Amino acid sequence: MTCQIYRLFLLSVITTYFGRFGNSLILAQLQDDIDKLKADFNSSHSDVADGGPIFTDKLKNWTERNEKRIILSQIVSLYLKMFENTKNSSAHVKHISEELSTLNKSLPDGLQKVKDLMDLAKLQMNDFKIQRKAVNELLSVLQKLVETSPSHKRKRSQSQRRCKC
């Protein structure tokens, strides 16, 4: 499969996931616009398949709805950035960009969450001040972890079922 087919697949996932395009005529129009975009980018070139997909493999690891919203917001942002940097200002590119922008507006929390993850990755855990702060917050972090763990939710729901008050 070519990269452009993966992009089409991604757009289909996004549109299906968010229910934005209930009207099949709009999706058919986007398909036509994507076909024109494929021609613009010469996506049938043999090197497109090299290295595998760039987005769809990433989507496999994100299974929960909120998780998918985070990764999809980043992917949509990348497409929008790609279209901004493209010299092509034809109607089909504008139409795809407009639809992606509309979808992107429904994903407001994704960018901040990604920034939070990047900030965590940058923490210097060998810094003594950072370590002291981390130790000071450890109990709160553990409480949140216990509250969100699947076994905690299961025990709470089982105890609610047992009580016939």
Protein backbone atom coordinates (compact mmCIF):
# COMPACT_ATOMS: atom_id res chain seq x y z
CA MET A 1 0.00 0.00 0.00
CA THR A 2 1.24 3.46 -0.77
CA CYS A 3 1.56 6.30 1.71
CA GLN A 4 -1.29 8.13 0.02
CA ILE A 5 -3.59 5.18 0.55
CA TYR A 6 -2.63 5.32 4.21
CA ARG A 7 -3.45 9.02 4.22
CA LEU A 8 -6.83 8.23 2.70
CA PHE A 9 -7.29 5.56 5.34
CA LEU A 10 -6.40 8.10 8.02
CA LEU A 11 -8.90 10.61 6.69
CA SER A 12 -11.53 7.89 6.65
CA VAL A 13 -10.70 6.98 10.25
CA ILE A 14 -10.90 10.61 11.32
CA THR A 15 -14.15 11.26 9.54
CA THR A 16 -15.73 8.02 10.74
CA TYR A 17 -14.46 8.44 14.27
CA PHE A 18 -15.86 11.91 14.71
CA GLY A 19 -18.99 11.41 12.63
CA ARG A 20 -18.29 14.69 10.89
CA PHE A 21 -19.22 13.50 7.42
CA GLY A 22 -22.58 11.80 7.72
CA ASN A 23 -23.33 12.87 4.20
CA SER A 24 -21.65 10.51 1.75
CA LEU A 25 -21.59 13.25 -0.89
CA ILE A 26 -19.10 15.23 1.22
CA LEU A 27 -16.92 12.16 1.70
CA ALA A 28 -17.13 11.45 -2.03
CA GLN A 29 -16.05 15.04 -2.74
CA LEU A 30 -13.12 14.64 -0.33
CA GLN A 31 -12.17 11.41 -2.09
CA ASP A 32 -12.09 13.30 -5.37
CA ASP A 33 -10.01 16.08 -3.79
CA ILE A 34 -7.59 13.52 -2.33
CA ASP A 35 -7.23 11.89 -5.74
CA LYS A 36 -6.26 15.30 -7.17
CA LEU A 37 -3.86 15.79 -4.27
CA LYS A 38 -2.27 12.41 -5.00
CA ALA A 39 -1.66 13.57 -8.57
CA ASP A 40 -0.17 16.86 -7.30
CA PHE A 41 2.28 15.00 -5.07
CA ASN A 42 2.97 12.20 -7.57
CA SER A 43 2.13 9.73 -4.81
CA SER A 44 2.25 6.74 -7.11
CA HIS A 45 6.05 7.02 -7.19
CA SER A 46 7.72 3.80 -6.03
CA ASP A 47 9.55 5.40 -3.08
CA VAL A 48 6.27 6.25 -1.29
CA ALA A 49 6.04 2.73 0.13
CA ASP A 50 9.64 2.79 1.48
CA GLY A 51 9.79 2.56 5.25
CA GLY A 52 6.11 1.79 5.72
CA PRO A 53 3.31 4.09 6.84
CA ILE A 54 3.98 7.25 8.80
CA PHE A 55 0.69 7.69 10.64
CA THR A 56 -1.44 4.55 10.62
CA ASP A 57 1.07 2.43 12.53
CA LYS A 58 1.03 5.03 15.30
CA LEU A 59 -2.76 4.83 15.54
CA LYS A 60 -2.62 1.12 16.42
CA ASN A 61 -1.08 1.86 19.83
CA TRP A 62 -3.73 4.38 20.85
CA THR A 63 -6.85 2.44 21.75
CA GLU A 64 -8.93 4.56 24.12
CA ARG A 65 -11.16 7.32 22.72
CA ASN A 66 -9.35 10.12 24.56
CA GLU A 67 -5.97 8.71 23.59
CA LYS A 68 -7.01 8.63 19.96
CA ARG A 69 -8.11 12.26 20.19
CA ILE A 70 -4.61 13.19 21.34
CA ILE A 71 -2.74 11.41 18.56
CA LEU A 72 -5.28 12.38 15.90
CA SER A 73 -5.00 16.03 16.89
CA GLN A 74 -1.26 15.83 16.28
CA ILE A 75 -1.68 14.05 12.96
CA VAL A 76 -4.28 16.55 11.75
CA SER A 77 -1.98 19.41 12.82
CA LEU A 78 0.82 17.88 10.75
CA TYR A 79 -1.43 17.69 7.69
CA LEU A 80 -2.45 21.31 8.17
CA LYS A 81 1.19 22.34 8.49
CA MET A 82 2.00 20.37 5.33
CA PHE A 83 -0.76 22.18 3.43
CA GLU A 84 0.41 25.58 4.73
CA ASN A 85 3.90 24.88 3.40
CA THR A 86 2.60 23.68 0.05
CA LYS A 87 2.82 26.13 -2.81
CA ASN A 88 -0.34 24.59 -4.24
CA SER A 89 -3.34 26.78 -3.47
CA SER A 90 -5.86 24.98 -5.65
CA ALA A 91 -9.47 24.48 -4.66
CA HIS A 92 -9.05 20.82 -3.68
CA VAL A 93 -6.17 21.62 -1.30
CA LYS A 94 -8.19 24.45 0.27
CA HIS A 95 -11.21 22.17 0.65
CA ILE A 96 -9.23 19.42 2.38
CA SER A 97 -7.55 22.00 4.62
CA GLU A 98 -10.89 23.51 5.60
CA GLU A 99 -12.34 20.12 6.51
CA LEU A 100 -9.23 19.19 8.51
CA SER A 101 -9.33 22.56 10.29
CA THR A 102 -12.92 21.93 11.27
CA LEU A 103 -11.96 18.54 12.64
CA ASN A 104 -8.96 20.00 14.41
CA LYS A 105 -11.18 22.46 16.27
CA SER A 106 -13.01 19.52 17.83
CA LEU A 107 -9.67 18.35 19.30
CA PRO A 108 -8.66 21.27 21.52
CA ASP A 109 -7.00 19.31 24.31
CA GLY A 110 -4.54 17.26 22.30
CA LEU A 111 -1.80 19.83 21.88
CA GLN A 112 -1.58 20.69 25.58
CA LYS A 113 -1.44 17.01 26.51
CA VAL A 114 1.38 16.38 24.07
CA LYS A 115 3.24 19.39 25.47
CA ASP A 116 2.79 17.94 28.97
CA LEU A 117 4.29 14.64 27.83
CA MET A 118 7.21 16.43 26.18
CA ASP A 119 7.80 18.47 29.36
CA LEU A 120 7.89 15.26 31.39
CA ALA A 121 10.40 13.74 28.99
CA LYS A 122 12.67 16.76 29.42
CA LEU A 123 12.79 16.53 33.24
CA GLN A 124 16.32 15.99 34.54
CA MET A 125 15.64 13.25 37.08
CA ASN A 126 19.25 13.33 38.28
CA ASP A 127 18.76 16.95 39.47
CA PHE A 128 18.48 16.94 43.29
CA LYS A 129 15.85 19.72 43.35
CA ILE A 130 13.70 17.82 40.83
CA GLN A 131 14.10 14.66 42.92
CA ARG A 132 12.97 16.47 46.09
CA LYS A 133 9.91 17.86 44.31
CA ALA A 134 9.13 14.41 42.89
CA VAL A 135 9.38 12.76 46.31
CA ASN A 136 7.14 15.47 47.75
CA GLU A 137 4.47 14.67 45.12
CA LEU A 138 4.83 10.87 45.24
CA LEU A 139 1.87 10.18 47.53
CA SER A 140 -0.46 12.30 45.39
CA VAL A 141 0.72 10.55 42.22
CA LEU A 142 0.20 7.13 43.81
CA GLN A 143 -3.30 8.12 44.95
CA LYS A 144 -4.20 9.15 41.39
CA LEU A 145 -2.73 5.91 40.06
CA VAL A 146 -4.77 3.81 42.50
CA GLU A 147 -7.93 5.79 41.68
CA THR A 148 -7.50 5.15 37.96
CA SER A 149 -6.32 1.54 38.09
CA PRO A 150 -8.73 -1.03 36.60
CA SER A 151 -8.60 -3.24 39.71
CA HIS A 152 -9.66 -0.31 41.90
CA LYS A 153 -12.68 0.40 39.70
CA ARG A 154 -13.63 -3.28 39.65
CA LYS A 155 -13.48 -3.62 43.45
CA ARG A 156 -15.57 -0.50 43.93
CA SER A 157 -18.24 -1.64 41.47
CA GLN A 158 -18.31 -5.14 43.01
CA SER A 159 -18.82 -3.71 46.49
CA GLN A 160 -21.66 -1.55 45.21
CA ARG A 161 -23.36 -4.64 43.75
CA ARG A 162 -23.07 -6.58 47.01
CA CYS A 163 -24.70 -3.86 49.07
CA LYS A 164 -28.46 -4.26 48.78
CA CYS A 165 -29.31 -1.15 50.79
